[in-house]
Amino acid sequence: LLEITDGVDANRWGKLFYSGDTQCGTTPSGYQEAPANMLCAFETNDG
């Protein structure tokens, strides 16, 4: 799964990113990086 979009308003969405994607960002100090093939970030249309 990569994206979930509102059935009424296509401008409302959420995108899923997985380990290795550049959108995962930098792992904060004290936390581990998401393991291979695991979800690392979820972004919504409001940023």
ModelCIF file with pLDDT and N, C-alpha, C, O atoms, coordinates in Angstrom:
data_MODEL
#
_entry.id   MODEL 
#
_entity.id                         1 
_entity.type                       polymer 
_entity.pdbx_number_of_molecules   1 
#
_entity_poly.entity_id                      1 
_entity_poly.type                           'polypeptide(L)' 
_entity_poly.nstd_linkage                   no 
_entity_poly.nstd_monomer                   no 
_entity_poly.pdbx_seq_one_letter_code       LLEITDGVDANRWGKLFYSGDTQCGTTPSGYQEAPANMLCAFETNDG 
_entity_poly.pdbx_seq_one_letter_code_can   LLEITDGVDANRWGKLFYSGDTQCGTTPSGYQEAPANMLCAFETNDG 
_entity_poly.pdbx_strand_id                 A 
#
loop_
_entity_poly_seq.entity_id 
_entity_poly_seq.num 
_entity_poly_seq.mon_id 
_entity_poly_seq.hetero 
1 1  LEU n 
1 2  LEU n 
1 3  GLU n 
1 4  ILE n 
1 5  THR n 
1 6  ASP n 
1 7  GLY n 
1 8  VAL n 
1 9  ASP n 
1 10 ALA n 
1 11 ASN n 
1 12 ARG n 
1 13 TRP n 
1 14 GLY n 
1 15 LYS n 
1 16 LEU n 
1 17 PHE n 
1 18 TYR n 
1 19 SER n 
1 20 GLY n 
1 21 ASP n 
1 22 THR n 
1 23 GLN n 
1 24 CYS n 
1 25 GLY n 
1 26 THR n 
1 27 THR n 
1 28 PRO n 
1 29 SER n 
1 30 GLY n 
1 31 TYR n 
1 32 GLN n 
1 33 GLU n 
1 34 ALA n 
1 35 PRO n 
1 36 ALA n 
1 37 ASN n 
1 38 MET n 
1 39 LEU n 
1 40 CYS n 
1 41 ALA n 
1 42 PHE n 
1 43 GLU n 
1 44 THR n 
1 45 ASN n 
1 46 ASP n 
1 47 GLY n 
#
_struct_asym.id          A 
_struct_asym.entity_id   1 
#
loop_
_ma_qa_metric.id 
_ma_qa_metric.mode 
_ma_qa_metric.name 
_ma_qa_metric.software_group_id 
_ma_qa_metric.type 
1 global pLDDT . pLDDT 
2 local  pLDDT . pLDDT 
#
_ma_qa_metric_global.metric_id      1 
_ma_qa_metric_global.metric_value   86.98 
_ma_qa_metric_global.model_id       1 
_ma_qa_metric_global.ordinal_id     1 
#
loop_
_ma_qa_metric_local.label_asym_id 
_ma_qa_metric_local.label_comp_id 
_ma_qa_metric_local.label_seq_id 
_ma_qa_metric_local.metric_id 
_ma_qa_metric_local.metric_value 
_ma_qa_metric_local.model_id 
_ma_qa_metric_local.ordinal_id 
A LEU 1  2 83.00 1 1  
A LEU 2  2 88.00 1 2  
A GLU 3  2 89.00 1 3  
A ILE 4  2 88.00 1 4  
A THR 5  2 88.00 1 5  
A ASP 6  2 86.00 1 6  
A GLY 7  2 80.00 1 7  
A VAL 8  2 84.00 1 8  
A ASP 9  2 89.00 1 9  
A ALA 10 2 89.00 1 10 
A ASN 11 2 94.00 1 11 
A ARG 12 2 93.00 1 12 
A TRP 13 2 93.00 1 13 
A GLY 14 2 93.00 1 14 
A LYS 15 2 94.00 1 15 
A LEU 16 2 91.00 1 16 
A PHE 17 2 90.00 1 17 
A TYR 18 2 88.00 1 18 
A SER 19 2 85.00 1 19 
A GLY 20 2 81.00 1 20 
A ASP 21 2 84.00 1 21 
A THR 22 2 86.00 1 22 
A GLN 23 2 87.00 1 23 
A CYS 24 2 86.00 1 24 
A GLY 25 2 83.00 1 25 
A THR 26 2 84.00 1 26 
A THR 27 2 83.00 1 27 
A PRO 28 2 82.00 1 28 
A SER 29 2 86.00 1 29 
A GLY 30 2 86.00 1 30 
A TYR 31 2 84.00 1 31 
A GLN 32 2 84.00 1 32 
A GLU 33 2 85.00 1 33 
A ALA 34 2 84.00 1 34 
A PRO 35 2 83.00 1 35 
A ALA 36 2 77.00 1 36 
A ASN 37 2 77.00 1 37 
A MET 38 2 83.00 1 38 
A LEU 39 2 87.00 1 39 
A CYS 40 2 88.00 1 40 
A ALA 41 2 89.00 1 41 
A PHE 42 2 90.00 1 42 
A GLU 43 2 92.00 1 43 
A THR 44 2 93.00 1 44 
A ASN 45 2 94.00 1 45 
A ASP 46 2 94.00 1 46 
A GLY 47 2 91.00 1 47 
#
loop_
_atom_site.group_PDB 
_atom_site.id 
_atom_site.type_symbol 
_atom_site.label_atom_id 
_atom_site.label_alt_id 
_atom_site.label_comp_id 
_atom_site.label_asym_id 
_atom_site.label_entity_id 
_atom_site.label_seq_id 
_atom_site.pdbx_PDB_ins_code 
_atom_site.Cartn_x 
_atom_site.Cartn_y 
_atom_site.Cartn_z 
_atom_site.occupancy 
_atom_site.B_iso_or_equiv 
_atom_site.pdbx_formal_charge 
_atom_site.auth_seq_id 
_atom_site.auth_comp_id 
_atom_site.auth_asym_id 
_atom_site.auth_atom_id 
_atom_site.pdbx_PDB_model_num 
ATOM 1   N N  . LEU A 1 1  ? 0.831   -1.191 0.000  1.00 83.00 ? 1  LEU A N  1 
ATOM 2   C CA . LEU A 1 1  ? 0.000   0.000  0.000  1.00 83.00 ? 1  LEU A CA 1 
ATOM 3   C C  . LEU A 1 1  ? 0.872   1.249  0.000  1.00 83.00 ? 1  LEU A C  1 
ATOM 4   O O  . LEU A 1 1  ? 1.794   1.373  0.806  1.00 83.00 ? 1  LEU A O  1 
ATOM 5   N N  . LEU A 1 2  ? 0.569   2.186  -0.922 1.00 88.00 ? 2  LEU A N  1 
ATOM 6   C CA . LEU A 1 2  ? 1.333   3.425  -1.016 1.00 88.00 ? 2  LEU A CA 1 
ATOM 7   C C  . LEU A 1 2  ? 0.534   4.663  -0.643 1.00 88.00 ? 2  LEU A C  1 
ATOM 8   O O  . LEU A 1 2  ? 1.084   5.625  -0.107 1.00 88.00 ? 2  LEU A O  1 
ATOM 9   N N  . GLU A 1 3  ? -0.778  4.638  -0.931 1.00 89.00 ? 3  GLU A N  1 
ATOM 10  C CA . GLU A 1 3  ? -1.563  5.853  -0.712 1.00 89.00 ? 3  GLU A CA 1 
ATOM 11  C C  . GLU A 1 3  ? -3.013  5.507  -0.413 1.00 89.00 ? 3  GLU A C  1 
ATOM 12  O O  . GLU A 1 3  ? -3.576  4.565  -0.971 1.00 89.00 ? 3  GLU A O  1 
ATOM 13  N N  . ILE A 1 4  ? -3.603  6.290  0.478  1.00 88.00 ? 4  ILE A N  1 
ATOM 14  C CA . ILE A 1 4  ? -5.024  6.192  0.802  1.00 88.00 ? 4  ILE A CA 1 
ATOM 15  C C  . ILE A 1 4  ? -5.625  7.555  0.478  1.00 88.00 ? 4  ILE A C  1 
ATOM 16  O O  . ILE A 1 4  ? -5.139  8.581  0.952  1.00 88.00 ? 4  ILE A O  1 
ATOM 17  N N  . THR A 1 5  ? -6.685  7.563  -0.331 1.00 88.00 ? 5  THR A N  1 
ATOM 18  C CA . THR A 1 5  ? -7.299  8.822  -0.746 1.00 88.00 ? 5  THR A CA 1 
ATOM 19  C C  . THR A 1 5  ? -8.760  8.838  -0.337 1.00 88.00 ? 5  THR A C  1 
ATOM 20  O O  . THR A 1 5  ? -9.446  7.820  -0.420 1.00 88.00 ? 5  THR A O  1 
ATOM 21  N N  . ASP A 1 6  ? -9.231  9.988  0.102  1.00 86.00 ? 6  ASP A N  1 
ATOM 22  C CA . ASP A 1 6  ? -10.633 10.180 0.463  1.00 86.00 ? 6  ASP A CA 1 
ATOM 23  C C  . ASP A 1 6  ? -11.498 9.969  -0.775 1.00 86.00 ? 6  ASP A C  1 
ATOM 24  O O  . ASP A 1 6  ? -11.185 10.495 -1.842 1.00 86.00 ? 6  ASP A O  1 
ATOM 25  N N  . GLY A 1 7  ? -12.577 9.211  -0.646 1.00 80.00 ? 7  GLY A N  1 
ATOM 26  C CA . GLY A 1 7  ? -13.457 8.923  -1.772 1.00 80.00 ? 7  GLY A CA 1 
ATOM 27  C C  . GLY A 1 7  ? -14.271 10.108 -2.249 1.00 80.00 ? 7  GLY A C  1 
ATOM 28  O O  . GLY A 1 7  ? -14.785 10.089 -3.367 1.00 80.00 ? 7  GLY A O  1 
ATOM 29  N N  . VAL A 1 8  ? -14.399 11.139 -1.430 1.00 84.00 ? 8  VAL A N  1 
ATOM 30  C CA . VAL A 1 8  ? -15.176 12.317 -1.801 1.00 84.00 ? 8  VAL A CA 1 
ATOM 31  C C  . VAL A 1 8  ? -14.270 13.452 -2.255 1.00 84.00 ? 8  VAL A C  1 
ATOM 32  O O  . VAL A 1 8  ? -14.556 14.115 -3.252 1.00 84.00 ? 8  VAL A O  1 
ATOM 33  N N  . ASP A 1 9  ? -13.180 13.678 -1.533 1.00 89.00 ? 9  ASP A N  1 
ATOM 34  C CA . ASP A 1 9  ? -12.270 14.781 -1.819 1.00 89.00 ? 9  ASP A CA 1 
ATOM 35  C C  . ASP A 1 9  ? -10.867 14.221 -2.069 1.00 89.00 ? 9  ASP A C  1 
ATOM 36  O O  . ASP A 1 9  ? -10.152 13.894 -1.123 1.00 89.00 ? 9  ASP A O  1 
ATOM 37  N N  . ALA A 1 10 ? -10.480 14.114 -3.321 1.00 89.00 ? 10 ALA A N  1 
ATOM 38  C CA . ALA A 1 10 ? -9.174  13.542 -3.681 1.00 89.00 ? 10 ALA A CA 1 
ATOM 39  C C  . ALA A 1 10 ? -8.012  14.383 -3.170 1.00 89.00 ? 10 ALA A C  1 
ATOM 40  O O  . ALA A 1 10 ? -6.867  13.930 -3.203 1.00 89.00 ? 10 ALA A O  1 
ATOM 41  N N  . ASN A 1 11 ? -8.282  15.604 -2.695 1.00 94.00 ? 11 ASN A N  1 
ATOM 42  C CA . ASN A 1 11 ? -7.223  16.443 -2.127 1.00 94.00 ? 11 ASN A CA 1 
ATOM 43  C C  . ASN A 1 11 ? -6.886  16.028 -0.697 1.00 94.00 ? 11 ASN A C  1 
ATOM 44  O O  . ASN A 1 11 ? -5.943  16.553 -0.105 1.00 94.00 ? 11 ASN A O  1 
ATOM 45  N N  . ARG A 1 12 ? -7.646  15.094 -0.143 1.00 93.00 ? 12 ARG A N  1 
ATOM 46  C CA . ARG A 1 12 ? -7.373  14.566 1.196  1.00 93.00 ? 12 ARG A CA 1 
ATOM 47  C C  . ARG A 1 12 ? -6.788  13.169 1.026  1.00 93.00 ? 12 ARG A C  1 
ATOM 48  O O  . ARG A 1 12 ? -7.459  12.254 0.547  1.00 93.00 ? 12 ARG A O  1 
ATOM 49  N N  . TRP A 1 13 ? -5.517  13.018 1.429  1.00 93.00 ? 13 TRP A N  1 
ATOM 50  C CA . TRP A 1 13 ? -4.837  11.745 1.233  1.00 93.00 ? 13 TRP A CA 1 
ATOM 51  C C  . TRP A 1 13 ? -3.814  11.505 2.324  1.00 93.00 ? 13 TRP A C  1 
ATOM 52  O O  . TRP A 1 13 ? -3.453  12.402 3.086  1.00 93.00 ? 13 TRP A O  1 
ATOM 53  N N  . GLY A 1 14 ? -3.362  10.267 2.372  1.00 93.00 ? 14 GLY A N  1 
ATOM 54  C CA . GLY A 1 14 ? -2.255  9.865  3.232  1.00 93.00 ? 14 GLY A CA 1 
ATOM 55  C C  . GLY A 1 14 ? -1.339  8.962  2.435  1.00 93.00 ? 14 GLY A C  1 
ATOM 56  O O  . GLY A 1 14 ? -1.806  8.083  1.711  1.00 93.00 ? 14 GLY A O  1 
ATOM 57  N N  . LYS A 1 15 ? -0.036  9.170  2.562  1.00 94.00 ? 15 LYS A N  1 
ATOM 58  C CA . LYS A 1 15 ? 0.945   8.351  1.847  1.00 94.00 ? 15 LYS A CA 1 
ATOM 59  C C  . LYS A 1 15 ? 1.761   7.557  2.856  1.00 94.00 ? 15 LYS A C  1 
ATOM 60  O O  . LYS A 1 15 ? 2.128   8.060  3.917  1.00 94.00 ? 15 LYS A O  1 
ATOM 61  N N  . LEU A 1 16 ? 2.036   6.312  2.506  1.00 91.00 ? 16 LEU A N  1 
ATOM 62  C CA . LEU A 1 16 ? 2.819   5.427  3.352  1.00 91.00 ? 16 LEU A CA 1 
ATOM 63  C C  . LEU A 1 16 ? 4.204   5.247  2.757  1.00 91.00 ? 16 LEU A C  1 
ATOM 64  O O  . LEU A 1 16 ? 4.356   5.071  1.548  1.00 91.00 ? 16 LEU A O  1 
ATOM 65  N N  . PHE A 1 17 ? 5.217   5.294  3.622  1.00 90.00 ? 17 PHE A N  1 
ATOM 66  C CA . PHE A 1 17 ? 6.597   5.138  3.190  1.00 90.00 ? 17 PHE A CA 1 
ATOM 67  C C  . PHE A 1 17 ? 7.239   4.012  3.991  1.00 90.00 ? 17 PHE A C  1 
ATOM 68  O O  . PHE A 1 17 ? 6.897   3.778  5.150  1.00 90.00 ? 17 PHE A O  1 
ATOM 69  N N  . TYR A 1 18 ? 8.163   3.333  3.358  1.00 88.00 ? 18 TYR A N  1 
ATOM 70  C CA . TYR A 1 18 ? 8.784   2.152  3.952  1.00 88.00 ? 18 TYR A CA 1 
ATOM 71  C C  . TYR A 1 18 ? 10.286  2.341  4.057  1.00 88.00 ? 18 TYR A C  1 
ATOM 72  O O  . TYR A 1 18 ? 10.875  3.161  3.353  1.00 88.00 ? 18 TYR A O  1 
ATOM 73  N N  . SER A 1 19 ? 10.902  1.566  4.953  1.00 85.00 ? 19 SER A N  1 
ATOM 74  C CA . SER A 1 19 ? 12.340  1.704  5.195  1.00 85.00 ? 19 SER A CA 1 
ATOM 75  C C  . SER A 1 19 ? 13.107  1.786  3.881  1.00 85.00 ? 19 SER A C  1 
ATOM 76  O O  . SER A 1 19 ? 12.850  1.035  2.940  1.00 85.00 ? 19 SER A O  1 
ATOM 77  N N  . GLY A 1 20 ? 14.046  2.711  3.842  1.00 81.00 ? 20 GLY A N  1 
ATOM 78  C CA . GLY A 1 20 ? 14.830  2.926  2.631  1.00 81.00 ? 20 GLY A CA 1 
ATOM 79  C C  . GLY A 1 20 ? 14.306  4.067  1.780  1.00 81.00 ? 20 GLY A C  1 
ATOM 80  O O  . GLY A 1 20 ? 15.059  4.617  0.976  1.00 81.00 ? 20 GLY A O  1 
ATOM 81  N N  . ASP A 1 21 ? 13.025  4.449  1.929  1.00 84.00 ? 21 ASP A N  1 
ATOM 82  C CA . ASP A 1 21 ? 12.481  5.580  1.175  1.00 84.00 ? 21 ASP A CA 1 
ATOM 83  C C  . ASP A 1 21 ? 13.101  6.876  1.716  1.00 84.00 ? 21 ASP A C  1 
ATOM 84  O O  . ASP A 1 21 ? 13.300  7.016  2.923  1.00 84.00 ? 21 ASP A O  1 
ATOM 85  N N  . THR A 1 22 ? 13.402  7.811  0.825  1.00 86.00 ? 22 THR A N  1 
ATOM 86  C CA . THR A 1 22 ? 13.997  9.075  1.268  1.00 86.00 ? 22 THR A CA 1 
ATOM 87  C C  . THR A 1 22 ? 13.052  9.871  2.157  1.00 86.00 ? 22 THR A C  1 
ATOM 88  O O  . THR A 1 22 ? 13.500  10.700 2.949  1.00 86.00 ? 22 THR A O  1 
ATOM 89  N N  . GLN A 1 23 ? 11.745  9.630  2.036  1.00 87.00 ? 23 GLN A N  1 
ATOM 90  C CA . GLN A 1 23 ? 10.763  10.350 2.844  1.00 87.00 ? 23 GLN A CA 1 
ATOM 91  C C  . GLN A 1 23 ? 10.741  9.890  4.301  1.00 87.00 ? 23 GLN A C  1 
ATOM 92  O O  . GLN A 1 23 ? 10.041  10.482 5.123  1.00 87.00 ? 23 GLN A O  1 
ATOM 93  N N  . CYS A 1 24 ? 11.494  8.847  4.628  1.00 86.00 ? 24 CYS A N  1 
ATOM 94  C CA . CYS A 1 24 ? 11.540  8.366  6.012  1.00 86.00 ? 24 CYS A CA 1 
ATOM 95  C C  . CYS A 1 24 ? 12.231  9.366  6.926  1.00 86.00 ? 24 CYS A C  1 
ATOM 96  O O  . CYS A 1 24 ? 11.961  9.413  8.126  1.00 86.00 ? 24 CYS A O  1 
ATOM 97  N N  . GLY A 1 25 ? 13.108  10.151 6.362  1.00 83.00 ? 25 GLY A N  1 
ATOM 98  C CA . GLY A 1 25 ? 13.818  11.140 7.161  1.00 83.00 ? 25 GLY A CA 1 
ATOM 99  C C  . GLY A 1 25 ? 14.921  10.513 7.994  1.00 83.00 ? 25 GLY A C  1 
ATOM 100 O O  . GLY A 1 25 ? 15.243  9.333  7.854  1.00 83.00 ? 25 GLY A O  1 
ATOM 101 N N  . THR A 1 26 ? 15.486  11.329 8.858  1.00 84.00 ? 26 THR A N  1 
ATOM 102 C CA . THR A 1 26 ? 16.572  10.890 9.728  1.00 84.00 ? 26 THR A CA 1 
ATOM 103 C C  . THR A 1 26 ? 15.987  10.323 11.011 1.00 84.00 ? 26 THR A C  1 
ATOM 104 O O  . THR A 1 26 ? 15.077  10.905 11.603 1.00 84.00 ? 26 THR A O  1 
ATOM 105 N N  . THR A 1 27 ? 16.515  9.188  11.431 1.00 83.00 ? 27 THR A N  1 
ATOM 106 C CA . THR A 1 27 ? 16.049  8.559  12.668 1.00 83.00 ? 27 THR A CA 1 
ATOM 107 C C  . THR A 1 27 ? 16.534  9.380  13.858 1.00 83.00 ? 27 THR A C  1 
ATOM 108 O O  . THR A 1 27 ? 17.728  9.655  13.973 1.00 83.00 ? 27 THR A O  1 
ATOM 109 N N  . PRO A 1 28 ? 15.608  9.779  14.755 1.00 82.00 ? 28 PRO A N  1 
ATOM 110 C CA . PRO A 1 28 ? 16.014  10.568 15.924 1.00 82.00 ? 28 PRO A CA 1 
ATOM 111 C C  . PRO A 1 28 ? 16.971  9.794  16.834 1.00 82.00 ? 28 PRO A C  1 
ATOM 112 O O  . PRO A 1 28 ? 16.934  8.564  16.883 1.00 82.00 ? 28 PRO A O  1 
ATOM 113 N N  . SER A 1 29 ? 17.803  10.506 17.535 1.00 86.00 ? 29 SER A N  1 
ATOM 114 C CA . SER A 1 29 ? 18.753  9.908  18.470 1.00 86.00 ? 29 SER A CA 1 
ATOM 115 C C  . SER A 1 29 ? 17.999  9.072  19.503 1.00 86.00 ? 29 SER A C  1 
ATOM 116 O O  . SER A 1 29 ? 16.974  9.495  20.037 1.00 86.00 ? 29 SER A O  1 
ATOM 117 N N  . GLY A 1 30 ? 18.522  7.887  19.769 1.00 86.00 ? 30 GLY A N  1 
ATOM 118 C CA . GLY A 1 30 ? 17.891  7.008  20.748 1.00 86.00 ? 30 GLY A CA 1 
ATOM 119 C C  . GLY A 1 30 ? 16.877  6.047  20.158 1.00 86.00 ? 30 GLY A C  1 
ATOM 120 O O  . GLY A 1 30 ? 16.381  5.162  20.855 1.00 86.00 ? 30 GLY A O  1 
ATOM 121 N N  . TYR A 1 31 ? 16.566  6.209  18.890 1.00 84.00 ? 31 TYR A N  1 
ATOM 122 C CA . TYR A 1 31 ? 15.612  5.335  18.206 1.00 84.00 ? 31 TYR A CA 1 
ATOM 123 C C  . TYR A 1 31 ? 16.337  4.518  17.149 1.00 84.00 ? 31 TYR A C  1 
ATOM 124 O O  . TYR A 1 31 ? 17.401  4.908  16.667 1.00 84.00 ? 31 TYR A O  1 
ATOM 125 N N  . GLN A 1 32 ? 15.749  3.379  16.796 1.00 84.00 ? 32 GLN A N  1 
ATOM 126 C CA . GLN A 1 32 ? 16.319  2.547  15.743 1.00 84.00 ? 32 GLN A CA 1 
ATOM 127 C C  . GLN A 1 32 ? 15.645  2.854  14.417 1.00 84.00 ? 32 GLN A C  1 
ATOM 128 O O  . GLN A 1 32 ? 14.471  3.221  14.370 1.00 84.00 ? 32 GLN A O  1 
ATOM 129 N N  . GLU A 1 33 ? 16.409  2.698  13.337 1.00 85.00 ? 33 GLU A N  1 
ATOM 130 C CA . GLU A 1 33 ? 15.862  2.854  11.989 1.00 85.00 ? 33 GLU A CA 1 
ATOM 131 C C  . GLU A 1 33 ? 14.849  1.737  11.736 1.00 85.00 ? 33 GLU A C  1 
ATOM 132 O O  . GLU A 1 33 ? 15.003  0.626  12.245 1.00 85.00 ? 33 GLU A O  1 
ATOM 133 N N  . ALA A 1 34 ? 13.830  2.031  10.961 1.00 84.00 ? 34 ALA A N  1 
ATOM 134 C CA . ALA A 1 34 ? 12.825  1.011  10.641 1.00 84.00 ? 34 ALA A CA 1 
ATOM 135 C C  . ALA A 1 34 ? 13.500  -0.159 9.930  1.00 84.00 ? 34 ALA A C  1 
ATOM 136 O O  . ALA A 1 34 ? 14.272  0.052  8.995  1.00 84.00 ? 34 ALA A O  1 
ATOM 137 N N  . PRO A 1 35 ? 13.218  -1.392 10.361 1.00 83.00 ? 35 PRO A N  1 
ATOM 138 C CA . PRO A 1 35 ? 13.807  -2.563 9.701  1.00 83.00 ? 35 PRO A CA 1 
ATOM 139 C C  . PRO A 1 35 ? 13.339  -2.671 8.246  1.00 83.00 ? 35 PRO A C  1 
ATOM 140 O O  . PRO A 1 35 ? 12.367  -2.035 7.839  1.00 83.00 ? 35 PRO A O  1 
ATOM 141 N N  . ALA A 1 36 ? 14.054  -3.489 7.480  1.00 77.00 ? 36 ALA A N  1 
ATOM 142 C CA . ALA A 1 36 ? 13.742  -3.695 6.063  1.00 77.00 ? 36 ALA A CA 1 
ATOM 143 C C  . ALA A 1 36 ? 12.277  -4.063 5.866  1.00 77.00 ? 36 ALA A C  1 
ATOM 144 O O  . ALA A 1 36 ? 11.726  -4.882 6.602  1.00 77.00 ? 36 ALA A O  1 
ATOM 145 N N  . ASN A 1 37 ? 11.651  -3.448 4.862  1.00 77.00 ? 37 ASN A N  1 
ATOM 146 C CA . ASN A 1 37 ? 10.263  -3.688 4.460  1.00 77.00 ? 37 ASN A CA 1 
ATOM 147 C C  . ASN A 1 37 ? 9.214   -3.213 5.462  1.00 77.00 ? 37 ASN A C  1 
ATOM 148 O O  . ASN A 1 37 ? 8.038   -3.547 5.318  1.00 77.00 ? 37 ASN A O  1 
ATOM 149 N N  . MET A 1 38 ? 9.610   -2.448 6.466  1.00 83.00 ? 38 MET A N  1 
ATOM 150 C CA . MET A 1 38 ? 8.655   -1.986 7.467  1.00 83.00 ? 38 MET A CA 1 
ATOM 151 C C  . MET A 1 38 ? 8.301   -0.524 7.236  1.00 83.00 ? 38 MET A C  1 
ATOM 152 O O  . MET A 1 38 ? 9.092   0.251  6.698  1.00 83.00 ? 38 MET A O  1 
ATOM 153 N N  . LEU A 1 39 ? 7.108   -0.174 7.652  1.00 87.00 ? 39 LEU A N  1 
ATOM 154 C CA . LEU A 1 39 ? 6.605   1.187  7.539  1.00 87.00 ? 39 LEU A CA 1 
ATOM 155 C C  . LEU A 1 39 ? 7.472   2.118  8.371  1.00 87.00 ? 39 LEU A C  1 
ATOM 156 O O  . LEU A 1 39 ? 7.774   1.819  9.526  1.00 87.00 ? 39 LEU A O  1 
ATOM 157 N N  . CYS A 1 40 ? 7.877   3.254  7.788  1.00 88.00 ? 40 CYS A N  1 
ATOM 158 C CA . CYS A 1 40 ? 8.713   4.202  8.528  1.00 88.00 ? 40 CYS A CA 1 
ATOM 159 C C  . CYS A 1 40 ? 8.048   5.570  8.653  1.00 88.00 ? 40 CYS A C  1 
ATOM 160 O O  . CYS A 1 40 ? 8.396   6.340  9.549  1.00 88.00 ? 40 CYS A O  1 
ATOM 161 N N  . ALA A 1 41 ? 7.106   5.885  7.778  1.00 89.00 ? 41 ALA A N  1 
ATOM 162 C CA . ALA A 1 41 ? 6.473   7.209  7.841  1.00 89.00 ? 41 ALA A CA 1 
ATOM 163 C C  . ALA A 1 41 ? 5.097   7.181  7.177  1.00 89.00 ? 41 ALA A C  1 
ATOM 164 O O  . ALA A 1 41 ? 4.837   6.409  6.254  1.00 89.00 ? 41 ALA A O  1 
ATOM 165 N N  . PHE A 1 42 ? 4.230   8.054  7.686  1.00 90.00 ? 42 PHE A N  1 
ATOM 166 C CA . PHE A 1 42 ? 2.906   8.268  7.103  1.00 90.00 ? 42 PHE A CA 1 
ATOM 167 C C  . PHE A 1 42 ? 2.715   9.766  7.012  1.00 90.00 ? 42 PHE A C  1 
ATOM 168 O O  . PHE A 1 42 ? 2.827   10.472 8.015  1.00 90.00 ? 42 PHE A O  1 
ATOM 169 N N  . GLU A 1 43 ? 2.427   10.259 5.812  1.00 92.00 ? 43 GLU A N  1 
ATOM 170 C CA . GLU A 1 43 ? 2.299   11.694 5.585  1.00 92.00 ? 43 GLU A CA 1 
ATOM 171 C C  . GLU A 1 43 ? 0.897   11.992 5.068  1.00 92.00 ? 43 GLU A C  1 
ATOM 172 O O  . GLU A 1 43 ? 0.355   11.243 4.256  1.00 92.00 ? 43 GLU A O  1 
ATOM 173 N N  . THR A 1 44 ? 0.317   13.087 5.542  1.00 93.00 ? 44 THR A N  1 
ATOM 174 C CA . THR A 1 44 ? -1.017  13.485 5.082  1.00 93.00 ? 44 THR A CA 1 
ATOM 175 C C  . THR A 1 44 ? -0.929  14.752 4.248  1.00 93.00 ? 44 THR A C  1 
ATOM 176 O O  . THR A 1 44 ? 0.088   15.445 4.257  1.00 93.00 ? 44 THR A O  1 
ATOM 177 N N  . ASN A 1 45 ? -1.997  15.048 3.532  1.00 94.00 ? 45 ASN A N  1 
ATOM 178 C CA . ASN A 1 45 ? -2.012  16.187 2.614  1.00 94.00 ? 45 ASN A CA 1 
ATOM 179 C C  . ASN A 1 45 ? -1.789  17.523 3.308  1.00 94.00 ? 45 ASN A C  1 
ATOM 180 O O  . ASN A 1 45 ? -1.421  18.493 2.645  1.00 94.00 ? 45 ASN A O  1 
ATOM 181 N N  . ASP A 1 46 ? -1.997  17.607 4.616  1.00 94.00 ? 46 ASP A N  1 
ATOM 182 C CA . ASP A 1 46 ? -1.781  18.873 5.331  1.00 94.00 ? 46 ASP A CA 1 
ATOM 183 C C  . ASP A 1 46 ? -0.333  19.015 5.814  1.00 94.00 ? 46 ASP A C  1 
ATOM 184 O O  . ASP A 1 46 ? -0.018  19.924 6.582  1.00 94.00 ? 46 ASP A O  1 
ATOM 185 N N  . GLY A 1 47 ? 0.549   18.110 5.360  1.00 91.00 ? 47 GLY A N  1 
ATOM 186 C CA . GLY A 1 47 ? 1.970   18.220 5.698  1.00 91.00 ? 47 GLY A CA 1 
ATOM 187 C C  . GLY A 1 47 ? 2.380   17.525 6.976  1.00 91.00 ? 47 GLY A C  1 
ATOM 188 O O  . GLY A 1 47 ? 3.552   17.558 7.348  1.00 91.00 ? 47 GLY A O  1 
#
